[in-house]
Amino acid sequence: MDTATHITMGIAIGGFATLDPVVQQDPTLFTAVMVGAIVGSHAPDFDTVLKLRNNAAYLRNHRGITHSLPAVAFWGIAISSVIYLFVPEVNFLHLWLWTFLAVIFHVFVDIFNAYGTQAYRPFTRKWVAYGFISTFDPYIFSIHIIGIIAWMLGANPGFTWPIIYFIILLYYIKRYLDKREIVKYIHQNFENVKRVTTSPTTKQNIWRIAIITDDHFYVGRVEDGHIKVDDQFEKVPVPANEIFSVAKTDKNISAFLSFSPIYRWEWNIYDDFSEIRFYDLRYRNEGHYPFVAVVQIDDNLRIMNSYTGWVFSEEKLQNKLKTINQLPT
């Protein structure tokens, strides 16, 4: 989920903590739990700082090891321990339990987005992305805001938050059933379907879809139960030649390929270099595929430049690449 929603979920965990008799009886513990829940609800996304290094490091690690099972345990202990240093008089066990729950909840809700997480590491590095809740869902965010306002106005949090989360549970079930119907409909209308990825939008009746069959990629939308194919690409394997072998050694390309499950490639040859591009087909936006990986390789098979990330125009991509005529020293 997005940062704002994660933080509101942390506040909600703090509200649930009022059901704990130990927390109820200790205002200092309640304050510590609220801090732990808010920080814990965002902690796994602290890997965002990797953007300061480069996009490849961010892409390879975001929602990776920081969302893994060992990391979940680490965040809970680390955050509650730091808070305990400032308020050693509080009950550490209950502080840790509610902080730990906030961290668990963060990772749990992320697996329902299209982006997903590596939540099952170290047992598997597979990306878990069920794809039926939007990264920012206005309905989920709004109902949290309603709960926070109601709490500020005097509503009992031990009564308010269970009701709100029961409604959210019903919403999750509804979105899951919507996706199941979409996947079923796709299998009925396409032959030899190997994989379907779904990305819900902020509109309940519109979903983005990407489909892999034996021979083609299909990219489109499902609107009001009807499939609209926007693009169709022949499924061509990545060439097993020397230049592509070199391309795969580039940090940006390898990071992209480790993350993207559905992509197509292009190979353009110019006077003194070749350019290879990979496009993630899950994120089509107004006829454009903004999530890309690009590498430029000279005639001596040396990497000149590369980039991976989000760009929404060719001009911006070229600015990112900053193509040069001389090889870097």
C-alpha atoms as a PDB file:
ATOM      1  CA  MET A   1       0.000   0.000   0.000  1.00  0.00           C
ATOM      2  CA  ASP A   2       1.016   3.644  -0.179  1.00  0.00           C
ATOM      3  CA  THR A   3       2.695   5.388   2.749  1.00  0.00           C
ATOM      4  CA  ALA A   4      -0.388   7.343   3.834  1.00  0.00           C
ATOM      5  CA  THR A   5      -2.532   4.213   4.044  1.00  0.00           C
ATOM      6  CA  HIS A   6       0.156   2.323   5.960  1.00  0.00           C
ATOM      7  CA  ILE A   7       0.331   5.137   8.525  1.00  0.00           C
ATOM      8  CA  THR A   8      -3.444   5.219   8.974  1.00  0.00           C
ATOM      9  CA  MET A   9      -3.336   1.455   9.462  1.00  0.00           C
ATOM     10  CA  GLY A  10      -0.749   1.996  12.188  1.00  0.00           C
ATOM     11  CA  ILE A  11      -3.131   4.374  13.927  1.00  0.00           C
ATOM     12  CA  ALA A  12      -5.839   1.734  13.602  1.00  0.00           C
ATOM     13  CA  ILE A  13      -3.573  -0.851  15.274  1.00  0.00           C
ATOM     14  CA  GLY A  14      -3.121   1.658  18.098  1.00  0.00           C
ATOM     15  CA  GLY A  15      -6.905   1.808  18.358  1.00  0.00           C
ATOM     16  CA  PHE A  16      -7.161  -1.970  18.527  1.00  0.00           C
ATOM     17  CA  ALA A  17      -4.555  -1.917  21.310  1.00  0.00           C
ATOM     18  CA  THR A  18      -7.104  -0.235  23.585  1.00  0.00           C
ATOM     19  CA  LEU A  19      -8.798  -3.637  23.784  1.00  0.00           C
ATOM     20  CA  ASP A  20      -5.714  -4.904  25.634  1.00  0.00           C
ATOM     21  CA  PRO A  21      -6.369  -4.503  29.411  1.00  0.00           C
ATOM     22  CA  VAL A  22      -2.660  -3.881  30.090  1.00  0.00           C
ATOM     23  CA  VAL A  23      -2.607  -1.039  27.550  1.00  0.00           C
ATOM     24  CA  GLN A  24      -5.916   0.340  28.842  1.00  0.00           C
ATOM     25  CA  GLN A  25      -4.529   0.733  32.341  1.00  0.00           C
ATOM     26  CA  ASP A  26      -1.270   2.468  31.372  1.00  0.00           C
ATOM     27  CA  PRO A  27      -1.447   5.753  29.409  1.00  0.00           C
ATOM     28  CA  THR A  28       2.328   5.757  28.936  1.00  0.00           C
ATOM     29  CA  LEU A  29       2.212   2.262  27.468  1.00  0.00           C
ATOM     30  CA  PHE A  30      -0.639   3.313  25.182  1.00  0.00           C
ATOM     31  CA  THR A  31       1.448   6.229  23.877  1.00  0.00           C
ATOM     32  CA  ALA A  32       4.436   3.927  23.373  1.00  0.00           C
ATOM     33  CA  VAL A  33       2.257   1.383  21.563  1.00  0.00           C
ATOM     34  CA  MET A  34       0.817   4.084  19.302  1.00  0.00           C
ATOM     35  CA  VAL A  35       4.318   5.241  18.360  1.00  0.00           C
ATOM     36  CA  GLY A  36       5.426   1.639  17.803  1.00  0.00           C
ATOM     37  CA  ALA A  37       2.366   0.868  15.689  1.00  0.00           C
ATOM     38  CA  ILE A  38       2.792   3.931  13.458  1.00  0.00           C
ATOM     39  CA  VAL A  39       6.530   3.389  12.977  1.00  0.00           C
ATOM     40  CA  GLY A  40       6.076  -0.362  12.590  1.00  0.00           C
ATOM     41  CA  SER A  41       3.350   0.107  10.017  1.00  0.00           C
ATOM     42  CA  HIS A  42       5.853   1.936   7.810  1.00  0.00           C
ATOM     43  CA  ALA A  43       9.177   0.334   8.773  1.00  0.00           C
ATOM     44  CA  PRO A  44       9.412  -2.296   5.994  1.00  0.00           C
ATOM     45  CA  ASP A  45       9.337   0.556   3.461  1.00  0.00           C
ATOM     46  CA  PHE A  46      12.430   2.181   4.933  1.00  0.00           C
ATOM     47  CA  ASP A  47      14.249   0.582   1.987  1.00  0.00           C
ATOM     48  CA  THR A  48      12.989   3.556  -0.032  1.00  0.00           C
ATOM     49  CA  VAL A  49      16.290   5.209   0.907  1.00  0.00           C
ATOM     50  CA  LEU A  50      17.895   2.918  -1.689  1.00  0.00           C
ATOM     51  CA  LYS A  51      16.581   5.331  -4.320  1.00  0.00           C
ATOM     52  CA  LEU A  52      19.361   7.637  -3.195  1.00  0.00           C
ATOM     53  CA  ARG A  53      21.832   5.018  -4.402  1.00  0.00           C
ATOM     54  CA  ASN A  54      20.278   4.063  -7.745  1.00  0.00           C
ATOM     55  CA  ASN A  55      17.072   2.689  -9.240  1.00  0.00           C
ATOM     56  CA  ALA A  56      18.555  -0.772  -9.757  1.00  0.00           C
ATOM     57  CA  ALA A  57      19.307  -1.194  -6.044  1.00  0.00           C
ATOM     58  CA  TYR A  58      15.847   0.105  -5.163  1.00  0.00           C
ATOM     59  CA  LEU A  59      14.079  -2.139  -7.668  1.00  0.00           C
ATOM     60  CA  ARG A  60      15.974  -5.264  -6.650  1.00  0.00           C
ATOM     61  CA  ASN A  61      15.431  -4.713  -2.924  1.00  0.00           C
ATOM     62  CA  HIS A  62      12.204  -2.741  -2.437  1.00  0.00           C
ATOM     63  CA  ARG A  63       9.611  -4.983  -0.824  1.00  0.00           C
ATOM     64  CA  GLY A  64      12.255  -7.705  -0.927  1.00  0.00           C
ATOM     65  CA  ILE A  65      14.325  -8.592   2.099  1.00  0.00           C
ATOM     66  CA  THR A  66      12.774  -5.791   4.201  1.00  0.00           C
ATOM     67  CA  HIS A  67       9.421  -7.559   3.817  1.00  0.00           C
ATOM     68  CA  SER A  68      10.804 -11.057   4.460  1.00  0.00           C
ATOM     69  CA  LEU A  69       9.974 -13.237   7.449  1.00  0.00           C
ATOM     70  CA  PRO A  70      13.287 -12.558   9.257  1.00  0.00           C
ATOM     71  CA  ALA A  71      12.923  -8.817   8.626  1.00  0.00           C
ATOM     72  CA  VAL A  72       9.405  -8.789  10.062  1.00  0.00           C
ATOM     73  CA  ALA A  73      10.756 -10.265  13.283  1.00  0.00           C
ATOM     74  CA  PHE A  74      13.667  -7.806  13.267  1.00  0.00           C
ATOM     75  CA  TRP A  75      11.500  -4.712  12.785  1.00  0.00           C
ATOM     76  CA  GLY A  76       9.222  -5.655  15.670  1.00  0.00           C
ATOM     77  CA  ILE A  77      12.076  -6.227  18.107  1.00  0.00           C
ATOM     78  CA  ALA A  78      14.172  -3.267  16.942  1.00  0.00           C
ATOM     79  CA  ILE A  79      11.406  -0.666  17.045  1.00  0.00           C
ATOM     80  CA  SER A  80       9.966  -1.750  20.393  1.00  0.00           C
ATOM     81  CA  SER A  81      13.485  -1.951  21.886  1.00  0.00           C
ATOM     82  CA  VAL A  82      14.321   1.612  20.831  1.00  0.00           C
ATOM     83  CA  ILE A  83      11.049   2.913  22.276  1.00  0.00           C
ATOM     84  CA  TYR A  84      11.677   0.953  25.479  1.00  0.00           C
ATOM     85  CA  LEU A  85      14.976   2.797  25.948  1.00  0.00           C
ATOM     86  CA  PHE A  86      12.980   6.012  26.421  1.00  0.00           C
ATOM     87  CA  VAL A  87      10.175   4.524  28.557  1.00  0.00           C
ATOM     88  CA  PRO A  88      11.672   1.526  30.396  1.00  0.00           C
ATOM     89  CA  GLU A  89       8.814   1.518  32.890  1.00  0.00           C
ATOM     90  CA  VAL A  90       6.269   0.167  30.367  1.00  0.00           C
ATOM     91  CA  ASN A  91       5.438  -3.489  29.772  1.00  0.00           C
ATOM     92  CA  PHE A  92       7.866  -4.521  27.014  1.00  0.00           C
ATOM     93  CA  LEU A  93       5.963  -7.655  26.034  1.00  0.00           C
ATOM     94  CA  HIS A  94       2.772  -5.777  25.191  1.00  0.00           C
ATOM     95  CA  LEU A  95       4.699  -2.982  23.496  1.00  0.00           C
ATOM     96  CA  TRP A  96       6.466  -5.553  21.321  1.00  0.00           C
ATOM     97  CA  LEU A  97       3.284  -7.510  20.535  1.00  0.00           C
ATOM     98  CA  TRP A  98       1.397  -4.496  19.153  1.00  0.00           C
ATOM     99  CA  THR A  99       4.424  -3.142  17.308  1.00  0.00           C
ATOM    100  CA  PHE A 100       5.068  -6.584  15.835  1.00  0.00           C
ATOM    101  CA  LEU A 101       1.431  -6.806  14.755  1.00  0.00           C
ATOM    102  CA  ALA A 102       1.739  -3.474  12.904  1.00  0.00           C
ATOM    103  CA  VAL A 103       4.784  -4.745  10.991  1.00  0.00           C
ATOM    104  CA  ILE A 104       3.066  -8.026  10.140  1.00  0.00           C
ATOM    105  CA  PHE A 105       0.012  -6.140   8.945  1.00  0.00           C
ATOM    106  CA  HIS A 106       2.122  -3.937   6.662  1.00  0.00           C
ATOM    107  CA  VAL A 107       3.637  -6.934   4.872  1.00  0.00           C
ATOM    108  CA  PHE A 108       0.317  -8.780   4.812  1.00  0.00           C
ATOM    109  CA  VAL A 109      -1.636  -6.044   3.023  1.00  0.00           C
ATOM    110  CA  ASP A 110       1.185  -5.506   0.498  1.00  0.00           C
ATOM    111  CA  ILE A 111       0.827  -9.010  -0.937  1.00  0.00           C
ATOM    112  CA  PHE A 112      -2.600  -8.115  -2.341  1.00  0.00           C
ATOM    113  CA  ASN A 113      -1.217  -5.377  -4.643  1.00  0.00           C
ATOM    114  CA  ALA A 114      -0.012  -5.962  -8.201  1.00  0.00           C
ATOM    115  CA  TYR A 115       3.531  -4.967  -7.171  1.00  0.00           C
ATOM    116  CA  GLY A 116       3.701  -7.584  -4.443  1.00  0.00           C
ATOM    117  CA  THR A 117       6.470  -8.538  -2.018  1.00  0.00           C
ATOM    118  CA  GLN A 118       8.975 -11.297  -1.339  1.00  0.00           C
ATOM    119  CA  ALA A 119       7.118 -12.018   1.869  1.00  0.00           C
ATOM    120  CA  TYR A 120       8.038 -15.719   1.948  1.00  0.00           C
ATOM    121  CA  ARG A 121      11.803 -15.218   1.980  1.00  0.00           C
ATOM    122  CA  PRO A 122      14.006 -17.027   2.947  1.00  0.00           C
ATOM    123  CA  PHE A 123      11.945 -20.018   1.804  1.00  0.00           C
ATOM    124  CA  THR A 124      11.449 -18.585  -1.677  1.00  0.00           C
ATOM    125  CA  ARG A 125      12.362 -15.424  -3.550  1.00  0.00           C
ATOM    126  CA  LYS A 126       9.141 -15.572  -5.541  1.00  0.00           C
ATOM    127  CA  TRP A 127       7.220 -12.291  -5.713  1.00  0.00           C
ATOM    128  CA  VAL A 128       3.806 -12.664  -4.096  1.00  0.00           C
ATOM    129  CA  ALA A 129       1.339 -10.328  -5.807  1.00  0.00           C
ATOM    130  CA  TYR A 130      -2.313 -11.320  -5.741  1.00  0.00           C
ATOM    131  CA  GLY A 131      -3.311  -8.184  -7.625  1.00  0.00           C
ATOM    132  CA  PHE A 132      -6.811  -7.396  -6.412  1.00  0.00           C
ATOM    133  CA  ILE A 133      -6.225  -4.349  -4.209  1.00  0.00           C
ATOM    134  CA  SER A 134      -4.821  -1.111  -5.644  1.00  0.00           C
ATOM    135  CA  THR A 135      -1.576   0.235  -4.157  1.00  0.00           C
ATOM    136  CA  PHE A 136      -3.602   3.303  -3.238  1.00  0.00           C
ATOM    137  CA  ASP A 137      -7.209   2.362  -2.691  1.00  0.00           C
ATOM    138  CA  PRO A 138      -9.332   5.454  -1.997  1.00  0.00           C
ATOM    139  CA  TYR A 139     -12.035   3.411  -0.288  1.00  0.00           C
ATOM    140  CA  ILE A 140      -9.643   1.792   2.186  1.00  0.00           C
ATOM    141  CA  PHE A 141      -7.881   5.077   2.859  1.00  0.00           C
ATOM    142  CA  SER A 142     -11.125   7.017   3.258  1.00  0.00           C
ATOM    143  CA  ILE A 143     -12.662   4.604   5.742  1.00  0.00           C
ATOM    144  CA  HIS A 144      -9.494   4.830   7.847  1.00  0.00           C
ATOM    145  CA  ILE A 145      -9.765   8.616   7.833  1.00  0.00           C
ATOM    146  CA  ILE A 146     -13.410   8.316   8.897  1.00  0.00           C
ATOM    147  CA  GLY A 147     -12.330   6.053  11.769  1.00  0.00           C
ATOM    148  CA  ILE A 148      -9.609   8.464  12.880  1.00  0.00           C
ATOM    149  CA  ILE A 149     -12.011  11.428  12.819  1.00  0.00           C
ATOM    150  CA  ALA A 150     -14.646   9.454  14.738  1.00  0.00           C
ATOM    151  CA  TRP A 151     -12.018   8.529  17.348  1.00  0.00           C
ATOM    152  CA  MET A 152     -10.946  12.178  17.680  1.00  0.00           C
ATOM    153  CA  LEU A 153     -14.585  13.153  18.190  1.00  0.00           C
ATOM    154  CA  GLY A 154     -14.938  10.721  21.078  1.00  0.00           C
ATOM    155  CA  ALA A 155     -15.938   7.379  19.533  1.00  0.00           C
ATOM    156  CA  ASN A 156     -14.754   4.313  21.432  1.00  0.00           C
ATOM    157  CA  PRO A 157     -11.760   2.951  19.443  1.00  0.00           C
ATOM    158  CA  GLY A 158     -12.311  -0.573  20.782  1.00  0.00           C
ATOM    159  CA  PHE A 159     -15.753  -0.465  19.170  1.00  0.00           C
ATOM    160  CA  THR A 160     -15.045   1.693  16.119  1.00  0.00           C
ATOM    161  CA  TRP A 161     -12.036  -0.085  14.622  1.00  0.00           C
ATOM    162  CA  PRO A 162     -13.435  -3.638  14.701  1.00  0.00           C
ATOM    163  CA  ILE A 163     -16.489  -2.382  12.783  1.00  0.00           C
ATOM    164  CA  ILE A 164     -14.299  -0.577  10.250  1.00  0.00           C
ATOM    165  CA  TYR A 165     -12.076  -3.603   9.726  1.00  0.00           C
ATOM    166  CA  PHE A 166     -15.060  -5.888   9.308  1.00  0.00           C
ATOM    167  CA  ILE A 167     -16.194  -3.600   6.481  1.00  0.00           C
ATOM    168  CA  ILE A 168     -12.678  -3.667   4.998  1.00  0.00           C
ATOM    169  CA  LEU A 169     -12.663  -7.472   5.206  1.00  0.00           C
ATOM    170  CA  LEU A 170     -15.910  -7.594   3.233  1.00  0.00           C
ATOM    171  CA  TYR A 171     -14.343  -5.215   0.689  1.00  0.00           C
ATOM    172  CA  TYR A 172     -11.315  -7.490   0.290  1.00  0.00           C
ATOM    173  CA  ILE A 173     -13.588 -10.469  -0.265  1.00  0.00           C
ATOM    174  CA  LYS A 174     -15.548  -8.507  -2.863  1.00  0.00           C
ATOM    175  CA  ARG A 175     -12.388  -7.491  -4.750  1.00  0.00           C
ATOM    176  CA  TYR A 176     -11.066 -11.065  -4.623  1.00  0.00           C
ATOM    177  CA  LEU A 177     -14.309 -12.367  -6.115  1.00  0.00           C
ATOM    178  CA  ASP A 178     -14.134  -9.659  -8.805  1.00  0.00           C
ATOM    179  CA  LYS A 179     -10.639 -10.794  -9.779  1.00  0.00           C
ATOM    180  CA  ARG A 180     -11.634 -14.459  -9.795  1.00  0.00           C
ATOM    181  CA  GLU A 181     -14.439 -13.715 -12.220  1.00  0.00           C
ATOM    182  CA  ILE A 182     -12.090 -11.718 -14.455  1.00  0.00           C
ATOM    183  CA  VAL A 183      -9.516 -14.536 -14.590  1.00  0.00           C
ATOM    184  CA  LYS A 184     -12.247 -17.072 -15.277  1.00  0.00           C
ATOM    185  CA  TYR A 185     -13.621 -14.923 -18.111  1.00  0.00           C
ATOM    186  CA  ILE A 186     -10.154 -14.526 -19.624  1.00  0.00           C
ATOM    187  CA  HIS A 187      -9.615 -18.295 -19.671  1.00  0.00           C
ATOM    188  CA  GLN A 188     -12.954 -18.673 -21.422  1.00  0.00           C
ATOM    189  CA  ASN A 189     -12.031 -16.177 -24.154  1.00  0.00           C
ATOM    190  CA  PHE A 190      -8.319 -16.862 -24.765  1.00  0.00           C
ATOM    191  CA  GLU A 191      -6.644 -20.115 -25.710  1.00  0.00           C
ATOM    192  CA  ASN A 192      -3.648 -21.616 -23.912  1.00  0.00           C
ATOM    193  CA  VAL A 193      -3.469 -18.976 -21.189  1.00  0.00           C
ATOM    194  CA  LYS A 194      -0.269 -19.385 -19.196  1.00  0.00           C
ATOM    195  CA  ARG A 195      -0.482 -16.435 -16.865  1.00  0.00           C
ATOM    196  CA  VAL A 196      -2.778 -13.520 -16.038  1.00  0.00           C
ATOM    197  CA  THR A 197      -1.796 -10.457 -14.030  1.00  0.00           C
ATOM    198  CA  THR A 198      -4.440  -8.049 -12.813  1.00  0.00           C
ATOM    199  CA  SER A 199      -4.060  -4.504 -11.549  1.00  0.00           C
ATOM    200  CA  PRO A 200      -7.163  -2.880 -10.082  1.00  0.00           C
ATOM    201  CA  THR A 201      -7.634   0.821 -10.644  1.00  0.00           C
ATOM    202  CA  THR A 202      -9.254   3.353  -8.353  1.00  0.00           C
ATOM    203  CA  LYS A 203     -12.491   2.710 -10.283  1.00  0.00           C
ATOM    204  CA  GLN A 204     -14.333  -0.406  -9.181  1.00  0.00           C
ATOM    205  CA  ASN A 205     -15.430  -1.335 -12.711  1.00  0.00           C
ATOM    206  CA  ILE A 206     -12.038  -0.979 -14.445  1.00  0.00           C
ATOM    207  CA  TRP A 207      -9.068  -3.345 -14.156  1.00  0.00           C
ATOM    208  CA  ARG A 208      -5.777  -3.453 -16.076  1.00  0.00           C
ATOM    209  CA  ILE A 209      -4.792  -6.890 -17.319  1.00  0.00           C
ATOM    210  CA  ALA A 210      -1.789  -8.538 -18.960  1.00  0.00           C
ATOM    211  CA  ILE A 211      -2.080 -12.036 -20.388  1.00  0.00           C
ATOM    212  CA  ILE A 212       0.529 -14.560 -21.479  1.00  0.00           C
ATOM    213  CA  THR A 213      -0.488 -17.324 -23.880  1.00  0.00           C
ATOM    214  CA  ASP A 214       1.672 -19.816 -25.756  1.00  0.00           C
ATOM    215  CA  ASP A 215       2.307 -17.383 -28.618  1.00  0.00           C
ATOM    216  CA  HIS A 216       1.269 -13.869 -27.574  1.00  0.00           C
ATOM    217  CA  PHE A 217       1.136 -11.187 -24.916  1.00  0.00           C
ATOM    218  CA  TYR A 218      -2.162  -9.340 -24.587  1.00  0.00           C
ATOM    219  CA  VAL A 219      -2.470  -6.059 -22.717  1.00  0.00           C
ATOM    220  CA  GLY A 220      -5.778  -4.411 -22.017  1.00  0.00           C
ATOM    221  CA  ARG A 221      -8.549  -3.617 -19.608  1.00  0.00           C
ATOM    222  CA  VAL A 222     -11.663  -5.143 -18.195  1.00  0.00           C
ATOM    223  CA  GLU A 223     -14.457  -2.587 -18.052  1.00  0.00           C
ATOM    224  CA  ASP A 224     -17.882  -3.504 -16.700  1.00  0.00           C
ATOM    225  CA  GLY A 225     -17.132  -7.181 -17.280  1.00  0.00           C
ATOM    226  CA  HIS A 226     -15.961  -6.730 -20.887  1.00  0.00           C
ATOM    227  CA  ILE A 227     -12.393  -7.374 -22.067  1.00  0.00           C
ATOM    228  CA  LYS A 228     -10.793  -4.662 -24.200  1.00  0.00           C
ATOM    229  CA  VAL A 229      -7.440  -5.610 -25.745  1.00  0.00           C
ATOM    230  CA  ASP A 230      -5.301  -2.510 -26.243  1.00  0.00           C
ATOM    231  CA  ASP A 231      -2.090  -4.169 -27.449  1.00  0.00           C
ATOM    232  CA  GLN A 232      -1.080  -7.562 -28.749  1.00  0.00           C
ATOM    233  CA  PHE A 233       2.532  -8.682 -29.097  1.00  0.00           C
ATOM    234  CA  GLU A 234       4.007 -11.837 -30.495  1.00  0.00           C
ATOM    235  CA  LYS A 235       5.749 -13.807 -27.779  1.00  0.00           C
ATOM    236  CA  VAL A 236       9.376 -13.899 -28.932  1.00  0.00           C
ATOM    237  CA  PRO A 237      12.059 -15.424 -26.655  1.00  0.00           C
ATOM    238  CA  VAL A 238      14.964 -13.219 -25.644  1.00  0.00           C
ATOM    239  CA  PRO A 239      17.815 -14.034 -28.074  1.00  0.00           C
ATOM    240  CA  ALA A 240      20.565 -16.254 -26.707  1.00  0.00           C
ATOM    241  CA  ASN A 241      23.381 -14.288 -28.298  1.00  0.00           C
ATOM    242  CA  GLU A 242      26.456 -12.437 -27.107  1.00  0.00           C
ATOM    243  CA  ILE A 243      24.999  -8.931 -26.977  1.00  0.00           C
ATOM    244  CA  PHE A 244      22.017 -10.013 -24.889  1.00  0.00           C
ATOM    245  CA  SER A 245      24.342 -11.946 -22.599  1.00  0.00           C
ATOM    246  CA  VAL A 246      26.272  -8.716 -22.037  1.00  0.00           C
ATOM    247  CA  ALA A 247      23.018  -6.795 -21.504  1.00  0.00           C
ATOM    248  CA  LYS A 248      21.926  -9.183 -18.767  1.00  0.00           C
ATOM    249  CA  THR A 249      25.092  -8.450 -16.802  1.00  0.00           C
ATOM    250  CA  ASP A 250      24.091  -4.784 -16.466  1.00  0.00           C
ATOM    251  CA  LYS A 251      22.755  -3.962 -13.010  1.00  0.00           C
ATOM    252  CA  ASN A 252      19.690  -2.134 -14.355  1.00  0.00           C
ATOM    253  CA  ILE A 253      18.705  -4.885 -16.777  1.00  0.00           C
ATOM    254  CA  SER A 254      19.268  -7.685 -14.280  1.00  0.00           C
ATOM    255  CA  ALA A 255      17.243  -5.837 -11.629  1.00  0.00           C
ATOM    256  CA  PHE A 256      14.375  -5.351 -14.081  1.00  0.00           C
ATOM    257  CA  LEU A 257      14.402  -9.001 -15.187  1.00  0.00           C
ATOM    258  CA  SER A 258      14.465 -10.213 -11.583  1.00  0.00           C
ATOM    259  CA  PHE A 259      11.299  -8.269 -10.881  1.00  0.00           C
ATOM    260  CA  SER A 260       9.101  -8.161 -13.987  1.00  0.00           C
ATOM    261  CA  PRO A 261       7.055 -11.290 -14.821  1.00  0.00           C
ATOM    262  CA  ILE A 262       5.588 -10.017 -18.119  1.00  0.00           C
ATOM    263  CA  TYR A 263       7.714  -7.987 -20.501  1.00  0.00           C
ATOM    264  CA  ARG A 264       8.631  -7.585 -24.136  1.00  0.00           C
ATOM    265  CA  TRP A 265      11.963  -6.524 -25.614  1.00  0.00           C
ATOM    266  CA  GLU A 266      13.266  -4.393 -28.476  1.00  0.00           C
ATOM    267  CA  TRP A 267      16.703  -4.412 -30.124  1.00  0.00           C
ATOM    268  CA  ASN A 268      17.691  -1.322 -32.097  1.00  0.00           C
ATOM    269  CA  ILE A 269      21.000  -1.134 -33.963  1.00  0.00           C
ATOM    270  CA  TYR A 270      22.580   2.272 -34.655  1.00  0.00           C
ATOM    271  CA  ASP A 271      25.825   3.352 -36.318  1.00  0.00           C
ATOM    272  CA  ASP A 272      28.184   2.629 -33.457  1.00  0.00           C
ATOM    273  CA  PHE A 273      26.078   1.054 -30.725  1.00  0.00           C
ATOM    274  CA  SER A 274      23.060  -1.127 -30.060  1.00  0.00           C
ATOM    275  CA  GLU A 275      20.206  -0.365 -27.710  1.00  0.00           C
ATOM    276  CA  ILE A 276      18.134  -3.018 -25.972  1.00  0.00           C
ATOM    277  CA  ARG A 277      14.914  -2.144 -24.217  1.00  0.00           C
ATOM    278  CA  PHE A 278      12.623  -4.123 -21.961  1.00  0.00           C
ATOM    279  CA  TYR A 279       9.056  -2.953 -21.245  1.00  0.00           C
ATOM    280  CA  ASP A 280       6.974  -4.202 -18.327  1.00  0.00           C
ATOM    281  CA  LEU A 281       3.556  -4.908 -19.813  1.00  0.00           C
ATOM    282  CA  ARG A 282       1.639  -4.638 -16.538  1.00  0.00           C
ATOM    283  CA  TYR A 283       1.697  -0.859 -16.366  1.00  0.00           C
ATOM    284  CA  ARG A 284       0.295   0.431 -19.641  1.00  0.00           C
ATOM    285  CA  ASN A 285      -0.669   4.084 -19.282  1.00  0.00           C
ATOM    286  CA  GLU A 286      -2.334   6.042 -22.079  1.00  0.00           C
ATOM    287  CA  GLY A 287      -0.728   3.909 -24.759  1.00  0.00           C
ATOM    288  CA  HIS A 288       2.711   4.053 -23.141  1.00  0.00           C
ATOM    289  CA  TYR A 289       4.689   1.526 -21.081  1.00  0.00           C
ATOM    290  CA  PRO A 290       6.431   3.721 -18.511  1.00  0.00           C
ATOM    291  CA  PHE A 291       8.281   1.047 -16.561  1.00  0.00           C
ATOM    292  CA  VAL A 292      11.354   0.216 -18.651  1.00  0.00           C
ATOM    293  CA  ALA A 293      14.941  -0.980 -18.630  1.00  0.00           C
ATOM    294  CA  VAL A 294      17.346   0.241 -21.313  1.00  0.00           C
ATOM    295  CA  VAL A 295      20.984  -0.542 -22.024  1.00  0.00           C
ATOM    296  CA  GLN A 296      23.263   0.846 -24.742  1.00  0.00           C
ATOM    297  CA  ILE A 297      26.188  -1.343 -25.832  1.00  0.00           C
ATOM    298  CA  ASP A 298      28.939  -0.314 -28.228  1.00  0.00           C
ATOM    299  CA  ASP A 299      30.334  -2.384 -31.097  1.00  0.00           C
ATOM    300  CA  ASN A 300      33.034  -3.757 -28.802  1.00  0.00           C
ATOM    301  CA  LEU A 301      30.362  -5.163 -26.496  1.00  0.00           C
ATOM    302  CA  ARG A 302      31.037  -2.646 -23.756  1.00  0.00           C
ATOM    303  CA  ILE A 303      28.128  -1.127 -21.835  1.00  0.00           C
ATOM    304  CA  MET A 304      27.883   2.600 -22.514  1.00  0.00           C
ATOM    305  CA  ASN A 305      24.844   3.537 -20.478  1.00  0.00           C
ATOM    306  CA  SER A 306      21.764   2.031 -18.898  1.00  0.00           C
ATOM    307  CA  TYR A 307      18.656   2.925 -16.932  1.00  0.00           C
ATOM    308  CA  THR A 308      15.672   1.320 -15.296  1.00  0.00           C
ATOM    309  CA  GLY A 309      12.649   3.020 -13.792  1.00  0.00           C
ATOM    310  CA  TRP A 310       9.543   4.985 -14.642  1.00  0.00           C
ATOM    311  CA  VAL A 311       9.579   7.396 -17.588  1.00  0.00           C
ATOM    312  CA  PHE A 312       6.521   8.737 -19.351  1.00  0.00           C
ATOM    313  CA  SER A 313       8.028  10.089 -22.579  1.00  0.00           C
ATOM    314  CA  GLU A 314      10.896   9.370 -24.944  1.00  0.00           C
ATOM    315  CA  GLU A 315      12.366  12.796 -24.224  1.00  0.00           C
ATOM    316  CA  LYS A 316      12.541  12.087 -20.510  1.00  0.00           C
ATOM    317  CA  LEU A 317      14.092   8.696 -21.190  1.00  0.00           C
ATOM    318  CA  GLN A 318      16.833  10.253 -23.284  1.00  0.00           C
ATOM    319  CA  ASN A 319      17.473  12.780 -20.531  1.00  0.00           C
ATOM    320  CA  LYS A 320      17.843   9.901 -18.103  1.00  0.00           C
ATOM    321  CA  LEU A 321      20.223   8.044 -20.354  1.00  0.00           C
ATOM    322  CA  LYS A 322      22.333  11.118 -21.219  1.00  0.00           C
ATOM    323  CA  THR A 323      23.799   9.366 -24.212  1.00  0.00           C
ATOM    324  CA  ILE A 324      27.446  10.198 -24.740  1.00  0.00           C
ATOM    325  CA  ASN A 325      29.756   9.755 -27.718  1.00  0.00           C
ATOM    326  CA  GLN A 326      32.746   8.640 -25.678  1.00  0.00           C
ATOM    327  CA  LEU A 327      32.920   5.706 -23.351  1.00  0.00           C
ATOM    328  CA  PRO A 328      33.252   6.565 -19.665  1.00  0.00           C
ATOM    329  CA  THR A 329      36.692   6.105 -18.232  1.00  0.00           C
END
